[in-house]
């Protein structure tokens, strides 16, 4: 299933670790800079370092 995060929200979100830009990838949000992948659960991005996976 693909998530649908509002474009305005994506424009203001940043990686909490490195402050890099974020983009959508299937069921996760991905940092373009450090490549951490943050889960989206029931439409809510979980932007916690301890919940992130490294690519």
PDB file of N, CA and C in Angstrom:
ATOM      1  N   UNK A   1       0.848  -1.182   0.000  1.00  0.00           N
ATOM      2  CA  UNK A   1       0.000   0.000   0.000  1.00  0.00           C
ATOM      3  C   UNK A   1       0.892   1.243   0.000  1.00  0.00           C
ATOM      4  N   UNK A   2       0.534   2.218  -0.796  1.00  0.00           N
ATOM      5  CA  UNK A   2       1.282   3.467  -0.872  1.00  0.00           C
ATOM      6  C   UNK A   2       0.655   4.500   0.049  1.00  0.00           C
ATOM      7  N   UNK A   3       1.490   5.225   0.767  1.00  0.00           N
ATOM      8  CA  UNK A   3       0.993   6.282   1.648  1.00  0.00           C
ATOM      9  C   UNK A   3       0.774   7.547   0.837  1.00  0.00           C
ATOM     10  N   UNK A   4      -0.011   8.450   1.368  1.00  0.00           N
ATOM     11  CA  UNK A   4      -0.255   9.735   0.713  1.00  0.00           C
ATOM     12  C   UNK A   4      -0.076  10.833   1.752  1.00  0.00           C
ATOM     13  N   UNK A   5       1.123  11.386   1.822  1.00  0.00           N
ATOM     14  CA  UNK A   5       1.412  12.480   2.740  1.00  0.00           C
ATOM     15  C   UNK A   5       1.216  13.784   1.981  1.00  0.00           C
ATOM     16  N   UNK A   6       0.546  14.725   2.600  1.00  0.00           N
ATOM     17  CA  UNK A   6       0.289  16.025   1.988  1.00  0.00           C
ATOM     18  C   UNK A   6       1.603  16.681   1.559  1.00  0.00           C
ATOM     19  N   UNK A   7       1.640  17.213   0.343  1.00  0.00           N
ATOM     20  CA  UNK A   7       2.844  17.861  -0.204  1.00  0.00           C
ATOM     21  C   UNK A   7       3.328  18.992   0.694  1.00  0.00           C
ATOM     22  N   UNK A   8       2.413  19.759   1.262  1.00  0.00           N
ATOM     23  CA  UNK A   8       2.802  20.864   2.148  1.00  0.00           C
ATOM     24  C   UNK A   8       3.525  20.339   3.384  1.00  0.00           C
ATOM     25  N   UNK A   9       3.069  19.205   3.908  1.00  0.00           N
ATOM     26  CA  UNK A   9       3.726  18.607   5.066  1.00  0.00           C
ATOM     27  C   UNK A   9       5.124  18.116   4.692  1.00  0.00           C
ATOM     28  N   UNK A  10       5.245  17.453   3.546  1.00  0.00           N
ATOM     29  CA  UNK A  10       6.558  16.980   3.107  1.00  0.00           C
ATOM     30  C   UNK A  10       7.540  18.130   2.920  1.00  0.00           C
ATOM     31  N   UNK A  11       7.041  19.273   2.479  1.00  0.00           N
ATOM     32  CA  UNK A  11       7.905  20.440   2.270  1.00  0.00           C
ATOM     33  C   UNK A  11       8.504  20.963   3.572  1.00  0.00           C
ATOM     34  N   UNK A  12       7.811  20.768   4.692  1.00  0.00           N
ATOM     35  CA  UNK A  12       8.336  21.298   5.957  1.00  0.00           C
ATOM     36  C   UNK A  12       9.000  20.232   6.826  1.00  0.00           C
ATOM     37  N   UNK A  13       8.760  18.951   6.528  1.00  0.00           N
ATOM     38  CA  UNK A  13       9.391  17.883   7.305  1.00  0.00           C
ATOM     39  C   UNK A  13      10.882  17.799   6.990  1.00  0.00           C
ATOM     40  N   UNK A  14      11.664  17.479   8.004  1.00  0.00           N
ATOM     41  CA  UNK A  14      13.096  17.242   7.832  1.00  0.00           C
ATOM     42  C   UNK A  14      13.489  16.062   8.709  1.00  0.00           C
ATOM     43  N   UNK A  15      14.534  15.395   8.323  1.00  0.00           N
ATOM     44  CA  UNK A  15      15.053  14.287   9.112  1.00  0.00           C
ATOM     45  C   UNK A  15      15.469  14.810  10.483  1.00  0.00           C
ATOM     46  N   UNK A  16      15.006  14.178  11.558  1.00  0.00           N
ATOM     47  CA  UNK A  16      15.369  14.650  12.896  1.00  0.00           C
ATOM     48  C   UNK A  16      16.841  14.409  13.242  1.00  0.00           C
ATOM     49  N   UNK A  17      17.525  13.573  12.484  1.00  0.00           N
ATOM     50  CA  UNK A  17      18.928  13.263  12.762  1.00  0.00           C
ATOM     51  C   UNK A  17      19.868  14.226  12.041  1.00  0.00           C
ATOM     52  N   UNK A  18      19.698  14.356  10.706  1.00  0.00           N
ATOM     53  CA  UNK A  18      20.646  15.155   9.923  1.00  0.00           C
ATOM     54  C   UNK A  18      20.031  16.405   9.303  1.00  0.00           C
ATOM     55  N   UNK A  19      18.722  16.585   9.467  1.00  0.00           N
ATOM     56  CA  UNK A  19      17.978  17.735   8.930  1.00  0.00           C
ATOM     57  C   UNK A  19      17.841  17.716   7.409  1.00  0.00           C
ATOM     58  N   UNK A  20      18.060  16.553   6.789  1.00  0.00           N
ATOM     59  CA  UNK A  20      17.915  16.414   5.345  1.00  0.00           C
ATOM     60  C   UNK A  20      16.455  16.418   4.923  1.00  0.00           C
ATOM     61  N   UNK A  21      16.230  16.641   3.618  1.00  0.00           N
ATOM     62  CA  UNK A  21      14.881  16.604   3.055  1.00  0.00           C
ATOM     63  C   UNK A  21      14.339  15.181   3.095  1.00  0.00           C
ATOM     64  N   UNK A  22      13.011  15.086   3.098  1.00  0.00           N
ATOM     65  CA  UNK A  22      12.303  13.809   3.200  1.00  0.00           C
ATOM     66  C   UNK A  22      11.459  13.600   1.942  1.00  0.00           C
ATOM     67  N   UNK A  23      11.406  12.335   1.464  1.00  0.00           N
ATOM     68  CA  UNK A  23      10.487  12.000   0.377  1.00  0.00           C
ATOM     69  C   UNK A  23       9.744  10.715   0.720  1.00  0.00           C
ATOM     70  N   UNK A  24       8.612  10.507   0.036  1.00  0.00           N
ATOM     71  CA  UNK A  24       7.790   9.311   0.244  1.00  0.00           C
ATOM     72  C   UNK A  24       8.336   8.147  -0.562  1.00  0.00           C
ATOM     73  N   UNK A  25       8.303   6.965   0.021  1.00  0.00           N
ATOM     74  CA  UNK A  25       8.649   5.738  -0.694  1.00  0.00           C
ATOM     75  C   UNK A  25       7.782   4.619  -0.137  1.00  0.00           C
ATOM     76  N   UNK A  26       6.744   4.277  -0.848  1.00  0.00           N
ATOM     77  CA  UNK A  26       5.786   3.252  -0.442  1.00  0.00           C
ATOM     78  C   UNK A  26       5.209   3.538   0.937  1.00  0.00           C
ATOM     79  N   UNK A  27       5.594   2.769   1.955  1.00  0.00           N
ATOM     80  CA  UNK A  27       5.016   2.934   3.297  1.00  0.00           C
ATOM     81  C   UNK A  27       5.982   3.594   4.265  1.00  0.00           C
ATOM     82  N   UNK A  28       6.944   4.344   3.724  1.00  0.00           N
ATOM     83  CA  UNK A  28       7.954   4.973   4.569  1.00  0.00           C
ATOM     84  C   UNK A  28       8.272   6.370   4.058  1.00  0.00           C
ATOM     85  N   UNK A  29       8.875   7.161   4.929  1.00  0.00           N
ATOM     86  CA  UNK A  29       9.461   8.434   4.535  1.00  0.00           C
ATOM     87  C   UNK A  29      10.970   8.241   4.593  1.00  0.00           C
ATOM     88  N   UNK A  30      11.670   8.733   3.576  1.00  0.00           N
ATOM     89  CA  UNK A  30      13.100   8.487   3.449  1.00  0.00           C
ATOM     90  C   UNK A  30      13.847   9.810   3.419  1.00  0.00           C
ATOM     91  N   UNK A  31      14.946   9.875   4.158  1.00  0.00           N
ATOM     92  CA  UNK A  31      15.811  11.054   4.150  1.00  0.00           C
ATOM     93  C   UNK A  31      16.755  10.957   2.956  1.00  0.00           C
ATOM     94  N   UNK A  32      16.835  12.014   2.153  1.00  0.00           N
ATOM     95  CA  UNK A  32      17.712  12.005   0.986  1.00  0.00           C
ATOM     96  C   UNK A  32      19.185  12.101   1.377  1.00  0.00           C
ATOM     97  N   UNK A  33      19.463  12.605   2.552  1.00  0.00           N
ATOM     98  CA  UNK A  33      20.845  12.843   2.973  1.00  0.00           C
ATOM     99  C   UNK A  33      21.462  11.628   3.681  1.00  0.00           C
ATOM    100  N   UNK A  34      20.841  11.158   4.760  1.00  0.00           N
ATOM    101  CA  UNK A  34      21.426  10.055   5.542  1.00  0.00           C
ATOM    102  C   UNK A  34      20.787   8.703   5.226  1.00  0.00           C
ATOM    103  N   UNK A  35      19.743   8.700   4.393  1.00  0.00           N
ATOM    104  CA  UNK A  35      19.075   7.471   3.930  1.00  0.00           C
ATOM    105  C   UNK A  35      18.302   6.721   5.012  1.00  0.00           C
ATOM    106  N   UNK A  36      17.990   7.385   6.121  1.00  0.00           N
ATOM    107  CA  UNK A  36      17.159   6.736   7.132  1.00  0.00           C
ATOM    108  C   UNK A  36      15.733   6.634   6.599  1.00  0.00           C
ATOM    109  N   UNK A  37      15.067   5.532   6.957  1.00  0.00           N
ATOM    110  CA  UNK A  37      13.700   5.282   6.522  1.00  0.00           C
ATOM    111  C   UNK A  37      12.801   5.286   7.753  1.00  0.00           C
ATOM    112  N   UNK A  38      11.806   6.166   7.739  1.00  0.00           N
ATOM    113  CA  UNK A  38      10.889   6.313   8.872  1.00  0.00           C
ATOM    114  C   UNK A  38       9.544   5.701   8.502  1.00  0.00           C
ATOM    115  N   UNK A  39       8.983   4.853   9.368  1.00  0.00           N
ATOM    116  CA  UNK A  39       7.700   4.222   9.060  1.00  0.00           C
ATOM    117  C   UNK A  39       6.540   5.216   9.142  1.00  0.00           C
ATOM    118  N   UNK A  40       5.492   4.897   8.395  1.00  0.00           N
ATOM    119  CA  UNK A  40       4.229   5.632   8.494  1.00  0.00           C
ATOM    120  C   UNK A  40       3.190   4.606   8.932  1.00  0.00           C
ATOM    121  N   UNK A  41       2.627   4.821  10.107  1.00  0.00           N
ATOM    122  CA  UNK A  41       1.668   3.872  10.675  1.00  0.00           C
ATOM    123  C   UNK A  41       0.301   4.530  10.750  1.00  0.00           C
ATOM    124  N   UNK A  42      -0.660   3.920  10.035  1.00  0.00           N
ATOM    125  CA  UNK A  42      -2.025   4.448   9.965  1.00  0.00           C
ATOM    126  C   UNK A  42      -2.033   5.920   9.558  1.00  0.00           C
ATOM    127  N   UNK A  43      -1.171   6.264   8.599  1.00  0.00           N
ATOM    128  CA  UNK A  43      -1.125   7.626   8.069  1.00  0.00           C
ATOM    129  C   UNK A  43      -0.320   8.613   8.889  1.00  0.00           C
ATOM    130  N   UNK A  44       0.313   8.143   9.969  1.00  0.00           N
ATOM    131  CA  UNK A  44       1.075   9.035  10.851  1.00  0.00           C
ATOM    132  C   UNK A  44       2.566   8.736  10.712  1.00  0.00           C
ATOM    133  N   UNK A  45       3.358   9.728  10.264  1.00  0.00           N
ATOM    134  CA  UNK A  45       4.808   9.518  10.173  1.00  0.00           C
ATOM    135  C   UNK A  45       5.423   9.398  11.571  1.00  0.00           C
ATOM    136  N   UNK A  46       6.220   8.366  11.763  1.00  0.00           N
ATOM    137  CA  UNK A  46       6.910   8.151  13.036  1.00  0.00           C
ATOM    138  C   UNK A  46       8.363   8.608  12.838  1.00  0.00           C
ATOM    139  N   UNK A  47       8.606   9.870  13.150  1.00  0.00           N
ATOM    140  CA  UNK A  47       9.897  10.503  12.865  1.00  0.00           C
ATOM    141  C   UNK A  47      10.816  10.465  14.090  1.00  0.00           C
ATOM    142  N   UNK A  48      11.014   9.279  14.629  1.00  0.00           N
ATOM    143  CA  UNK A  48      11.886   9.085  15.786  1.00  0.00           C
ATOM    144  C   UNK A  48      13.128   8.320  15.334  1.00  0.00           C
ATOM    145  N   UNK A  49      14.288   8.778  15.774  1.00  0.00           N
ATOM    146  CA  UNK A  49      15.542   8.139  15.367  1.00  0.00           C
ATOM    147  C   UNK A  49      15.546   6.645  15.687  1.00  0.00           C
ATOM    148  N   UNK A  50      15.038   6.283  16.857  1.00  0.00           N
ATOM    149  CA  UNK A  50      15.060   4.874  17.253  1.00  0.00           C
ATOM    150  C   UNK A  50      14.098   4.003  16.442  1.00  0.00           C
ATOM    151  N   UNK A  51      13.164   4.597  15.729  1.00  0.00           N
ATOM    152  CA  UNK A  51      12.234   3.847  14.880  1.00  0.00           C
ATOM    153  C   UNK A  51      12.716   3.763  13.433  1.00  0.00           C
ATOM    154  N   UNK A  52      13.747   4.517  13.097  1.00  0.00           N
ATOM    155  CA  UNK A  52      14.244   4.578  11.720  1.00  0.00           C
ATOM    156  C   UNK A  52      15.103   3.363  11.389  1.00  0.00           C
ATOM    157  N   UNK A  53      15.122   3.025  10.097  1.00  0.00           N
ATOM    158  CA  UNK A  53      16.005   1.978   9.579  1.00  0.00           C
ATOM    159  C   UNK A  53      16.992   2.646   8.632  1.00  0.00           C
ATOM    160  N   UNK A  54      18.236   2.212   8.658  1.00  0.00           N
ATOM    161  CA  UNK A  54      19.219   2.711   7.703  1.00  0.00           C
ATOM    162  C   UNK A  54      19.169   1.869   6.443  1.00  0.00           C
ATOM    163  N   UNK A  55      19.295   2.510   5.294  1.00  0.00           N
ATOM    164  CA  UNK A  55      19.289   1.784   4.024  1.00  0.00           C
ATOM    165  C   UNK A  55      20.612   1.096   3.809  1.00  0.00           C
TER     166      UNK A  55
END
